[in-house]
Amino acid sequence: MTVFSDLHFGENPWDSWGPEQDSNSTRLMKTVLKSEKPDYVVINGDLITGENTFRENSTSLIDEIVAPLNAAKIPFSSSHGNHDNQVNITHAEEILREQKVAPLSYTRMAPWGVGGVGGPGNYWVPIYHKKADESPVLILWFFDSRGGVSTNATTLPDWVDDSVAEWIRTETEVMEAIWGSSENRGALAFVHIPPHIATGLQNNLNSDENPGLNADSLDGGGSVQATTIPSNFGKDDTFWNSVNANIKNLHAVISGHGDGWGYGVRNFIFTSPNPEVGVETWIRMEAGETHARITLNKEYN
């Protein structure tokens, strides 16, 4: 599995820098897809810099983003970020456009009433070991952390809405009823804006023993954003507590806002359908060099 994040198509369209970055992102996608040959791809938020786009062309940028995936015929899913909710674009509009132009998109919207205003992109994708299997060995969860502004320029909360917590509980109950114990399958979750608890986690990590998180500063300057404001502390706890209570064998929660090394992606390799077997992950740069290679298992902090 290969994860792209923060592609930010459509940024600064009025000068040469913006279109050049879009071209660089497309080149990266083509290079990585050709060499890595992933079975599945995730685009983890901020597909578009919505505040720099026009109403007339915002959703057409989705066509450019998914073109390399369509050409390579690779199934994929998207989550969405704060720059995907702007006056000229919404998460819902991006999802609908993606479904229209990408036959192998598994991106979906939550049932009505789940996700709050500006946060429809809560869904899950089952991954099977063999096509004939009746139950999956892995569930990919996607959560909508909202953020940005509405189409009337009203600021949107930048955390996963409380309504998602109950949805997680009921969805996992149905999974248990149909597929049996969740202890028999693994899980991986994607959300663009990290939950507030990530700030405390980062402070306790040794970057040599536990690489992969310390490249970004989670001080409210763009990574955890408004969830670092004291008046907002705890507003994502309902969601986060539900994740921990109901999603079993959760290997990791992958957020966006990656930075610091240049153009690259995060790769995952699942070597076994057994959820107790660790998942290998690392950051691969455009030229092929790698960073932060770890195994997500009980030995990782």
C-alpha atoms as a PDB file:
ATOM      1  CA  MET A   1       0.000   0.000   0.000  1.00  0.00           C
ATOM      2  CA  THR A   2       1.257   3.456  -0.907  1.00  0.00           C
ATOM      3  CA  VAL A   3       0.058   6.672   0.753  1.00  0.00           C
ATOM      4  CA  PHE A   4       0.241  10.098  -0.892  1.00  0.00           C
ATOM      5  CA  SER A   5      -0.611  13.138   1.208  1.00  0.00           C
ATOM      6  CA  ASP A   6      -0.946  16.903   0.842  1.00  0.00           C
ATOM      7  CA  LEU A   7      -0.766  17.024  -2.947  1.00  0.00           C
ATOM      8  CA  HIS A   8      -2.323  20.525  -2.880  1.00  0.00           C
ATOM      9  CA  PHE A   9      -3.278  20.712  -6.539  1.00  0.00           C
ATOM     10  CA  GLY A  10      -4.393  24.130  -7.759  1.00  0.00           C
ATOM     11  CA  GLU A  11      -2.150  26.140  -5.447  1.00  0.00           C
ATOM     12  CA  ASN A  12      -0.925  29.517  -6.736  1.00  0.00           C
ATOM     13  CA  PRO A  13      -2.395  29.123 -10.251  1.00  0.00           C
ATOM     14  CA  TRP A  14      -1.579  32.752 -11.068  1.00  0.00           C
ATOM     15  CA  ASP A  15       2.181  32.191 -11.329  1.00  0.00           C
ATOM     16  CA  SER A  16       4.578  29.536 -12.629  1.00  0.00           C
ATOM     17  CA  TRP A  17       5.275  28.029  -9.208  1.00  0.00           C
ATOM     18  CA  GLY A  18       1.799  26.533  -8.680  1.00  0.00           C
ATOM     19  CA  PRO A  19       1.377  24.651 -11.968  1.00  0.00           C
ATOM     20  CA  GLU A  20       4.984  23.469 -11.635  1.00  0.00           C
ATOM     21  CA  GLN A  21       4.180  21.884  -8.254  1.00  0.00           C
ATOM     22  CA  ASP A  22       1.167  20.118  -9.765  1.00  0.00           C
ATOM     23  CA  SER A  23       3.407  18.783 -12.514  1.00  0.00           C
ATOM     24  CA  ASN A  24       5.943  17.620  -9.921  1.00  0.00           C
ATOM     25  CA  SER A  25       3.225  15.818  -7.958  1.00  0.00           C
ATOM     26  CA  THR A  26       1.960  14.063 -11.081  1.00  0.00           C
ATOM     27  CA  ARG A  27       5.527  13.029 -11.941  1.00  0.00           C
ATOM     28  CA  LEU A  28       6.011  11.659  -8.412  1.00  0.00           C
ATOM     29  CA  MET A  29       2.804   9.638  -8.630  1.00  0.00           C
ATOM     30  CA  LYS A  30       3.765   8.123 -11.980  1.00  0.00           C
ATOM     31  CA  THR A  31       7.294   7.326 -10.781  1.00  0.00           C
ATOM     32  CA  VAL A  32       6.184   5.694  -7.537  1.00  0.00           C
ATOM     33  CA  LEU A  33       3.297   3.743  -9.050  1.00  0.00           C
ATOM     34  CA  LYS A  34       5.550   2.337 -11.752  1.00  0.00           C
ATOM     35  CA  SER A  35       8.363   1.269  -9.413  1.00  0.00           C
ATOM     36  CA  GLU A  36       6.456   0.267  -6.259  1.00  0.00           C
ATOM     37  CA  LYS A  37       3.478  -1.383  -8.003  1.00  0.00           C
ATOM     38  CA  PRO A  38       1.177  -1.024  -4.978  1.00  0.00           C
ATOM     39  CA  ASP A  39      -1.957  -3.135  -4.622  1.00  0.00           C
ATOM     40  CA  TYR A  40      -3.786  -0.178  -3.090  1.00  0.00           C
ATOM     41  CA  VAL A  41      -3.261   3.583  -2.788  1.00  0.00           C
ATOM     42  CA  VAL A  42      -4.506   6.132  -0.260  1.00  0.00           C
ATOM     43  CA  ILE A  43      -4.566   9.889  -0.845  1.00  0.00           C
ATOM     44  CA  ASN A  44      -4.620  11.206   2.690  1.00  0.00           C
ATOM     45  CA  GLY A  45      -6.087  14.683   2.573  1.00  0.00           C
ATOM     46  CA  ASP A  46      -5.513  18.150   1.153  1.00  0.00           C
ATOM     47  CA  LEU A  47      -5.892  16.970  -2.407  1.00  0.00           C
ATOM     48  CA  ILE A  48      -6.620  20.550  -3.462  1.00  0.00           C
ATOM     49  CA  THR A  49      -5.698  23.995  -2.149  1.00  0.00           C
ATOM     50  CA  GLY A  50      -9.298  25.126  -2.351  1.00  0.00           C
ATOM     51  CA  GLU A  51      -8.725  28.720  -1.315  1.00  0.00           C
ATOM     52  CA  ASN A  52      -6.650  29.241  -4.480  1.00  0.00           C
ATOM     53  CA  THR A  53      -9.156  27.729  -6.910  1.00  0.00           C
ATOM     54  CA  PHE A  54     -12.225  29.034  -8.694  1.00  0.00           C
ATOM     55  CA  ARG A  55     -15.722  27.645  -8.378  1.00  0.00           C
ATOM     56  CA  GLU A  56     -15.746  26.801 -12.068  1.00  0.00           C
ATOM     57  CA  ASN A  57     -12.663  24.543 -12.060  1.00  0.00           C
ATOM     58  CA  SER A  58     -12.230  23.206  -8.517  1.00  0.00           C
ATOM     59  CA  THR A  59     -13.585  19.710  -9.029  1.00  0.00           C
ATOM     60  CA  SER A  60     -11.791  19.325 -12.388  1.00  0.00           C
ATOM     61  CA  LEU A  61      -8.518  19.213 -10.450  1.00  0.00           C
ATOM     62  CA  ILE A  62      -9.663  15.821  -9.153  1.00  0.00           C
ATOM     63  CA  ASP A  63      -9.412  14.556 -12.740  1.00  0.00           C
ATOM     64  CA  GLU A  64      -5.712  15.485 -12.796  1.00  0.00           C
ATOM     65  CA  ILE A  65      -5.033  13.889  -9.415  1.00  0.00           C
ATOM     66  CA  VAL A  66      -6.606  10.520 -10.199  1.00  0.00           C
ATOM     67  CA  ALA A  67      -5.329  10.304 -13.805  1.00  0.00           C
ATOM     68  CA  PRO A  68      -2.140   8.345 -12.886  1.00  0.00           C
ATOM     69  CA  LEU A  69      -4.211   5.937 -10.767  1.00  0.00           C
ATOM     70  CA  ASN A  70      -6.711   5.436 -13.568  1.00  0.00           C
ATOM     71  CA  ALA A  71      -3.907   4.801 -16.038  1.00  0.00           C
ATOM     72  CA  ALA A  72      -2.238   2.264 -13.724  1.00  0.00           C
ATOM     73  CA  LYS A  73      -5.617   0.658 -12.873  1.00  0.00           C
ATOM     74  CA  ILE A  74      -4.916   0.721  -9.124  1.00  0.00           C
ATOM     75  CA  PRO A  75      -7.786   0.803  -6.602  1.00  0.00           C
ATOM     76  CA  PHE A  76      -7.609   3.638  -4.092  1.00  0.00           C
ATOM     77  CA  SER A  77      -9.353   5.699  -1.433  1.00  0.00           C
ATOM     78  CA  SER A  78      -9.149   9.326  -0.343  1.00  0.00           C
ATOM     79  CA  SER A  79      -9.511  11.209   2.903  1.00  0.00           C
ATOM     80  CA  HIS A  80      -9.899  14.993   2.935  1.00  0.00           C
ATOM     81  CA  GLY A  81      -8.332  17.901   4.766  1.00  0.00           C
ATOM     82  CA  ASN A  82      -8.836  21.513   5.767  1.00  0.00           C
ATOM     83  CA  HIS A  83      -7.795  22.858   2.358  1.00  0.00           C
ATOM     84  CA  ASP A  84     -10.436  20.646   0.696  1.00  0.00           C
ATOM     85  CA  ASN A  85     -13.190  22.589   2.498  1.00  0.00           C
ATOM     86  CA  GLN A  86     -13.160  26.138   1.139  1.00  0.00           C
ATOM     87  CA  VAL A  87     -15.572  28.655  -0.369  1.00  0.00           C
ATOM     88  CA  ASN A  88     -15.109  27.130  -3.834  1.00  0.00           C
ATOM     89  CA  ILE A  89     -14.913  23.422  -2.941  1.00  0.00           C
ATOM     90  CA  THR A  90     -16.234  20.947  -0.355  1.00  0.00           C
ATOM     91  CA  HIS A  91     -15.327  17.441   0.748  1.00  0.00           C
ATOM     92  CA  ALA A  92     -18.624  16.163  -0.628  1.00  0.00           C
ATOM     93  CA  GLU A  93     -18.011  17.715  -4.048  1.00  0.00           C
ATOM     94  CA  GLU A  94     -14.551  16.180  -4.254  1.00  0.00           C
ATOM     95  CA  ILE A  95     -15.890  12.753  -3.305  1.00  0.00           C
ATOM     96  CA  LEU A  96     -18.683  12.878  -5.885  1.00  0.00           C
ATOM     97  CA  ARG A  97     -16.282  14.006  -8.609  1.00  0.00           C
ATOM     98  CA  GLU A  98     -13.829  11.246  -7.746  1.00  0.00           C
ATOM     99  CA  GLN A  99     -16.551   8.625  -7.925  1.00  0.00           C
ATOM    100  CA  LYS A 100     -17.585   9.981 -11.314  1.00  0.00           C
ATOM    101  CA  VAL A 101     -14.157   9.993 -12.989  1.00  0.00           C
ATOM    102  CA  ALA A 102     -12.308   7.141 -11.224  1.00  0.00           C
ATOM    103  CA  PRO A 103     -13.816   3.659 -11.694  1.00  0.00           C
ATOM    104  CA  LEU A 104     -11.508   2.114  -9.072  1.00  0.00           C
ATOM    105  CA  SER A 105     -12.192   4.685  -6.362  1.00  0.00           C
ATOM    106  CA  TYR A 106     -13.454   3.190  -3.102  1.00  0.00           C
ATOM    107  CA  THR A 107     -13.998   6.597  -1.497  1.00  0.00           C
ATOM    108  CA  ARG A 108     -17.458   6.873   0.034  1.00  0.00           C
ATOM    109  CA  MET A 109     -19.610   9.156   2.183  1.00  0.00           C
ATOM    110  CA  ALA A 110     -21.022   8.314   5.590  1.00  0.00           C
ATOM    111  CA  PRO A 111     -24.765   7.858   6.171  1.00  0.00           C
ATOM    112  CA  TRP A 112     -26.750  11.038   6.573  1.00  0.00           C
ATOM    113  CA  GLY A 113     -26.161  12.618   9.990  1.00  0.00           C
ATOM    114  CA  VAL A 114     -22.676  11.138  10.496  1.00  0.00           C
ATOM    115  CA  GLY A 115     -19.677  13.463  10.334  1.00  0.00           C
ATOM    116  CA  GLY A 116     -21.138  16.857  11.142  1.00  0.00           C
ATOM    117  CA  VAL A 117     -21.109  19.907   8.887  1.00  0.00           C
ATOM    118  CA  GLY A 118     -18.287  19.654   6.361  1.00  0.00           C
ATOM    119  CA  GLY A 119     -17.293  16.107   7.331  1.00  0.00           C
ATOM    120  CA  PRO A 120     -19.047  13.515   5.137  1.00  0.00           C
ATOM    121  CA  GLY A 121     -15.958  11.380   4.390  1.00  0.00           C
ATOM    122  CA  ASN A 122     -16.247   8.703   7.073  1.00  0.00           C
ATOM    123  CA  TYR A 123     -16.248   5.162   5.697  1.00  0.00           C
ATOM    124  CA  TRP A 124     -14.352   1.872   5.703  1.00  0.00           C
ATOM    125  CA  VAL A 125     -12.996  -0.515   3.088  1.00  0.00           C
ATOM    126  CA  PRO A 126     -12.663  -4.289   3.665  1.00  0.00           C
ATOM    127  CA  ILE A 127      -9.507  -6.007   2.376  1.00  0.00           C
ATOM    128  CA  TYR A 128      -9.619  -9.744   1.694  1.00  0.00           C
ATOM    129  CA  HIS A 129      -6.769 -12.256   1.658  1.00  0.00           C
ATOM    130  CA  LYS A 130      -8.321 -14.241  -1.196  1.00  0.00           C
ATOM    131  CA  LYS A 131     -11.176 -13.341  -3.514  1.00  0.00           C
ATOM    132  CA  ALA A 132     -13.246 -16.321  -2.353  1.00  0.00           C
ATOM    133  CA  ASP A 133     -12.945 -15.483   1.365  1.00  0.00           C
ATOM    134  CA  GLU A 134     -16.188 -14.649   3.159  1.00  0.00           C
ATOM    135  CA  SER A 135     -14.607 -12.272   5.672  1.00  0.00           C
ATOM    136  CA  PRO A 136     -11.827  -9.662   5.360  1.00  0.00           C
ATOM    137  CA  VAL A 137      -8.444  -9.789   7.069  1.00  0.00           C
ATOM    138  CA  LEU A 138      -8.043  -6.016   7.213  1.00  0.00           C
ATOM    139  CA  ILE A 139     -10.317  -2.994   7.541  1.00  0.00           C
ATOM    140  CA  LEU A 140      -9.177   0.393   6.275  1.00  0.00           C
ATOM    141  CA  TRP A 141     -10.949   3.160   8.203  1.00  0.00           C
ATOM    142  CA  PHE A 142     -11.222   6.715   6.885  1.00  0.00           C
ATOM    143  CA  PHE A 143     -12.233   9.617   9.128  1.00  0.00           C
ATOM    144  CA  ASP A 144     -13.097  13.170   8.121  1.00  0.00           C
ATOM    145  CA  SER A 145     -11.345  15.747  10.316  1.00  0.00           C
ATOM    146  CA  ARG A 146     -13.120  18.641   8.528  1.00  0.00           C
ATOM    147  CA  GLY A 147     -11.453  22.046   9.004  1.00  0.00           C
ATOM    148  CA  GLY A 148     -11.244  24.911   6.547  1.00  0.00           C
ATOM    149  CA  VAL A 149     -14.378  26.941   5.860  1.00  0.00           C
ATOM    150  CA  SER A 150     -17.850  26.344   4.454  1.00  0.00           C
ATOM    151  CA  THR A 151     -19.020  27.736   1.117  1.00  0.00           C
ATOM    152  CA  ASN A 152     -20.281  30.828   2.963  1.00  0.00           C
ATOM    153  CA  ALA A 153     -16.838  31.324   4.566  1.00  0.00           C
ATOM    154  CA  THR A 154     -17.865  30.097   8.039  1.00  0.00           C
ATOM    155  CA  THR A 155     -14.976  28.456   9.907  1.00  0.00           C
ATOM    156  CA  LEU A 156     -15.457  24.699  10.340  1.00  0.00           C
ATOM    157  CA  PRO A 157     -14.291  22.666  13.359  1.00  0.00           C
ATOM    158  CA  ASP A 158     -11.036  20.854  12.595  1.00  0.00           C
ATOM    159  CA  TRP A 159     -11.595  17.592  14.418  1.00  0.00           C
ATOM    160  CA  VAL A 160     -13.684  14.487  13.757  1.00  0.00           C
ATOM    161  CA  ASP A 161     -17.302  15.087  14.776  1.00  0.00           C
ATOM    162  CA  ASP A 162     -18.757  13.356  17.852  1.00  0.00           C
ATOM    163  CA  SER A 163     -21.368  11.601  15.699  1.00  0.00           C
ATOM    164  CA  VAL A 164     -18.615   9.447  14.198  1.00  0.00           C
ATOM    165  CA  ALA A 165     -17.992   7.799  17.568  1.00  0.00           C
ATOM    166  CA  GLU A 166     -21.402   6.109  17.696  1.00  0.00           C
ATOM    167  CA  TRP A 167     -21.136   5.205  14.007  1.00  0.00           C
ATOM    168  CA  ILE A 168     -17.838   3.409  14.712  1.00  0.00           C
ATOM    169  CA  ARG A 169     -19.482   1.446  17.528  1.00  0.00           C
ATOM    170  CA  THR A 170     -22.480   0.340  15.483  1.00  0.00           C
ATOM    171  CA  GLU A 171     -20.383  -0.482  12.408  1.00  0.00           C
ATOM    172  CA  THR A 172     -18.016  -2.681  14.409  1.00  0.00           C
ATOM    173  CA  GLU A 173     -20.981  -4.430  16.022  1.00  0.00           C
ATOM    174  CA  VAL A 174     -22.378  -5.305  12.599  1.00  0.00           C
ATOM    175  CA  MET A 175     -18.954  -6.505  11.461  1.00  0.00           C
ATOM    176  CA  GLU A 176     -18.747  -8.800  14.471  1.00  0.00           C
ATOM    177  CA  ALA A 177     -22.222 -10.178  13.793  1.00  0.00           C
ATOM    178  CA  ILE A 178     -21.492 -10.923  10.138  1.00  0.00           C
ATOM    179  CA  TRP A 179     -17.757 -11.719  10.060  1.00  0.00           C
ATOM    180  CA  GLY A 180     -17.076 -12.956  13.579  1.00  0.00           C
ATOM    181  CA  SER A 181     -14.632 -11.675  16.163  1.00  0.00           C
ATOM    182  CA  SER A 182     -12.675  -8.555  15.246  1.00  0.00           C
ATOM    183  CA  GLU A 183      -9.645 -10.141  16.915  1.00  0.00           C
ATOM    184  CA  ASN A 184      -9.235 -12.117  13.666  1.00  0.00           C
ATOM    185  CA  ARG A 185      -8.608  -9.067  11.461  1.00  0.00           C
ATOM    186  CA  GLY A 186      -6.364  -6.056  11.478  1.00  0.00           C
ATOM    187  CA  ALA A 187      -7.102  -2.378  10.970  1.00  0.00           C
ATOM    188  CA  LEU A 188      -5.405   0.745   9.667  1.00  0.00           C
ATOM    189  CA  ALA A 189      -6.934   4.218  10.001  1.00  0.00           C
ATOM    190  CA  PHE A 190      -6.483   7.435   8.051  1.00  0.00           C
ATOM    191  CA  VAL A 191      -7.360  10.969   9.146  1.00  0.00           C
ATOM    192  CA  HIS A 192      -5.866  14.160   7.792  1.00  0.00           C
ATOM    193  CA  ILE A 193      -5.604  16.290  10.961  1.00  0.00           C
ATOM    194  CA  PRO A 194      -4.083  14.314  13.843  1.00  0.00           C
ATOM    195  CA  PRO A 195      -6.068  13.982  17.072  1.00  0.00           C
ATOM    196  CA  HIS A 196      -4.896  16.213  19.897  1.00  0.00           C
ATOM    197  CA  ILE A 197      -3.439  13.251  21.787  1.00  0.00           C
ATOM    198  CA  ALA A 198      -0.656  13.136  19.186  1.00  0.00           C
ATOM    199  CA  THR A 199       1.028  16.138  20.811  1.00  0.00           C
ATOM    200  CA  GLY A 200       1.703  14.177  23.985  1.00  0.00           C
ATOM    201  CA  LEU A 201       2.763  11.115  22.057  1.00  0.00           C
ATOM    202  CA  GLN A 202       5.370  13.030  20.102  1.00  0.00           C
ATOM    203  CA  ASN A 203       7.029  14.394  23.217  1.00  0.00           C
ATOM    204  CA  ASN A 204       7.728  10.858  24.457  1.00  0.00           C
ATOM    205  CA  LEU A 205       9.155   9.416  21.242  1.00  0.00           C
ATOM    206  CA  ASN A 206      12.807   8.713  20.668  1.00  0.00           C
ATOM    207  CA  SER A 207      13.405   9.663  17.025  1.00  0.00           C
ATOM    208  CA  ASP A 208      16.073   6.954  16.706  1.00  0.00           C
ATOM    209  CA  GLU A 209      14.014   4.125  18.160  1.00  0.00           C
ATOM    210  CA  ASN A 210      10.615   5.356  16.972  1.00  0.00           C
ATOM    211  CA  PRO A 211      11.142   7.312  13.755  1.00  0.00           C
ATOM    212  CA  GLY A 212       8.407   8.689  11.589  1.00  0.00           C
ATOM    213  CA  LEU A 213       6.564  11.301  13.638  1.00  0.00           C
ATOM    214  CA  ASN A 214       9.140  13.775  14.844  1.00  0.00           C
ATOM    215  CA  ALA A 215       9.682  15.427  11.462  1.00  0.00           C
ATOM    216  CA  ASP A 216       6.683  17.695  12.056  1.00  0.00           C
ATOM    217  CA  SER A 217       6.101  20.120  14.878  1.00  0.00           C
ATOM    218  CA  LEU A 218       2.694  19.510  16.419  1.00  0.00           C
ATOM    219  CA  ASP A 219       2.523  22.921  18.035  1.00  0.00           C
ATOM    220  CA  GLY A 220      -0.590  24.230  16.346  1.00  0.00           C
ATOM    221  CA  GLY A 221       1.225  25.770  13.413  1.00  0.00           C
ATOM    222  CA  GLY A 222      -0.544  23.608  10.859  1.00  0.00           C
ATOM    223  CA  SER A 223      -0.352  20.028  12.047  1.00  0.00           C
ATOM    224  CA  VAL A 224      -2.822  19.723  14.884  1.00  0.00           C
ATOM    225  CA  GLN A 225      -4.211  23.185  14.222  1.00  0.00           C
ATOM    226  CA  ALA A 226      -7.088  24.462  16.371  1.00  0.00           C
ATOM    227  CA  THR A 227      -7.125  21.326  18.516  1.00  0.00           C
ATOM    228  CA  THR A 228      -4.129  22.844  20.350  1.00  0.00           C
ATOM    229  CA  ILE A 229      -6.214  25.825  21.509  1.00  0.00           C
ATOM    230  CA  PRO A 230      -7.066  25.256  25.190  1.00  0.00           C
ATOM    231  CA  SER A 231     -10.782  25.937  24.644  1.00  0.00           C
ATOM    232  CA  ASN A 232     -10.861  23.093  22.106  1.00  0.00           C
ATOM    233  CA  PHE A 233      -8.956  20.533  24.181  1.00  0.00           C
ATOM    234  CA  GLY A 234     -10.898  17.309  24.458  1.00  0.00           C
ATOM    235  CA  LYS A 235     -13.302  17.999  21.608  1.00  0.00           C
ATOM    236  CA  ASP A 236     -11.910  15.071  19.649  1.00  0.00           C
ATOM    237  CA  ASP A 237     -11.858  12.768  22.695  1.00  0.00           C
ATOM    238  CA  THR A 238     -15.272  11.248  21.942  1.00  0.00           C
ATOM    239  CA  PHE A 239     -14.051  10.127  18.531  1.00  0.00           C
ATOM    240  CA  TRP A 240     -10.641   9.029  19.768  1.00  0.00           C
ATOM    241  CA  ASN A 241     -12.055   7.030  22.685  1.00  0.00           C
ATOM    242  CA  SER A 242     -14.416   5.222  20.321  1.00  0.00           C
ATOM    243  CA  VAL A 243     -11.532   4.338  18.007  1.00  0.00           C
ATOM    244  CA  ASN A 244      -9.611   2.785  20.881  1.00  0.00           C
ATOM    245  CA  ALA A 245     -12.633   1.015  22.365  1.00  0.00           C
ATOM    246  CA  ASN A 246     -14.088  -0.467  19.202  1.00  0.00           C
ATOM    247  CA  ILE A 247     -11.410  -0.924  16.528  1.00  0.00           C
ATOM    248  CA  LYS A 248      -9.281  -3.938  17.394  1.00  0.00           C
ATOM    249  CA  ASN A 249      -5.773  -4.719  16.138  1.00  0.00           C
ATOM    250  CA  LEU A 250      -5.315  -1.136  14.963  1.00  0.00           C
ATOM    251  CA  HIS A 251      -1.784  -1.036  13.547  1.00  0.00           C
ATOM    252  CA  ALA A 252      -1.620   2.757  13.202  1.00  0.00           C
ATOM    253  CA  VAL A 253      -3.479   5.999  12.594  1.00  0.00           C
ATOM    254  CA  ILE A 254      -1.935   7.789   9.612  1.00  0.00           C
ATOM    255  CA  SER A 255      -2.331  11.552   9.371  1.00  0.00           C
ATOM    256  CA  GLY A 256      -1.410  14.145   6.772  1.00  0.00           C
ATOM    257  CA  HIS A 257       0.721  17.284   7.003  1.00  0.00           C
ATOM    258  CA  GLY A 258       3.940  15.452   6.117  1.00  0.00           C
ATOM    259  CA  ASP A 259       6.939  17.695   5.540  1.00  0.00           C
ATOM    260  CA  GLY A 260      10.666  18.085   5.872  1.00  0.00           C
ATOM    261  CA  TRP A 261      12.247  15.738   3.328  1.00  0.00           C
ATOM    262  CA  GLY A 262      10.816  16.740  -0.056  1.00  0.00           C
ATOM    263  CA  TYR A 263       8.687  14.685  -2.440  1.00  0.00           C
ATOM    264  CA  GLY A 264       7.876  11.239  -1.118  1.00  0.00           C
ATOM    265  CA  VAL A 265       5.248   8.713  -0.015  1.00  0.00           C
ATOM    266  CA  ARG A 266       4.665   6.284   2.832  1.00  0.00           C
ATOM    267  CA  ASN A 267       4.609   2.573   2.011  1.00  0.00           C
ATOM    268  CA  PHE A 268       3.103  -0.323   3.968  1.00  0.00           C
ATOM    269  CA  ILE A 269       3.681  -4.038   3.470  1.00  0.00           C
ATOM    270  CA  PHE A 270       1.389  -6.604   5.060  1.00  0.00           C
ATOM    271  CA  THR A 271       3.370  -9.852   5.015  1.00  0.00           C
ATOM    272  CA  SER A 272       0.663 -12.000   6.620  1.00  0.00           C
ATOM    273  CA  PRO A 273      -3.137 -12.064   7.025  1.00  0.00           C
ATOM    274  CA  ASN A 274      -2.528 -12.662  10.735  1.00  0.00           C
ATOM    275  CA  PRO A 275      -3.263  -9.326  12.483  1.00  0.00           C
ATOM    276  CA  GLU A 276      -0.658 -10.091  15.156  1.00  0.00           C
ATOM    277  CA  VAL A 277       2.142 -10.001  12.590  1.00  0.00           C
ATOM    278  CA  GLY A 278       3.776  -6.583  12.405  1.00  0.00           C
ATOM    279  CA  VAL A 279       3.305  -4.292   9.410  1.00  0.00           C
ATOM    280  CA  GLU A 280       6.407  -2.888   7.726  1.00  0.00           C
ATOM    281  CA  THR A 281       6.315   0.820   6.836  1.00  0.00           C
ATOM    282  CA  TRP A 282       8.751   3.451   5.600  1.00  0.00           C
ATOM    283  CA  ILE A 283       8.948   6.727   3.716  1.00  0.00           C
ATOM    284  CA  ARG A 284      10.150   6.421   0.135  1.00  0.00           C
ATOM    285  CA  MET A 285      11.466   9.501  -1.654  1.00  0.00           C
ATOM    286  CA  GLU A 286      11.045  10.243  -5.333  1.00  0.00           C
ATOM    287  CA  ALA A 287      14.624   9.204  -6.184  1.00  0.00           C
ATOM    288  CA  GLY A 288      14.236   5.942  -4.256  1.00  0.00           C
ATOM    289  CA  GLU A 289      15.980   6.631  -0.930  1.00  0.00           C
ATOM    290  CA  THR A 290      14.107   5.661   2.233  1.00  0.00           C
ATOM    291  CA  HIS A 291      13.578   7.110   5.722  1.00  0.00           C
ATOM    292  CA  ALA A 292      11.961   6.043   9.003  1.00  0.00           C
ATOM    293  CA  ARG A 293      11.699   2.314   8.294  1.00  0.00           C
ATOM    294  CA  ILE A 294       9.930   0.576  11.155  1.00  0.00           C
ATOM    295  CA  THR A 295       7.736  -2.415  11.914  1.00  0.00           C
ATOM    296  CA  LEU A 296       4.405  -1.637  13.545  1.00  0.00           C
ATOM    297  CA  ASN A 297       4.287  -4.273  16.268  1.00  0.00           C
ATOM    298  CA  LYS A 298       4.382  -4.571  20.038  1.00  0.00           C
ATOM    299  CA  GLU A 299       8.013  -3.486  20.118  1.00  0.00           C
ATOM    300  CA  TYR A 300       7.220  -0.105  18.571  1.00  0.00           C
ATOM    301  CA  ASN A 301       6.331   2.580  21.134  1.00  0.00           C
END
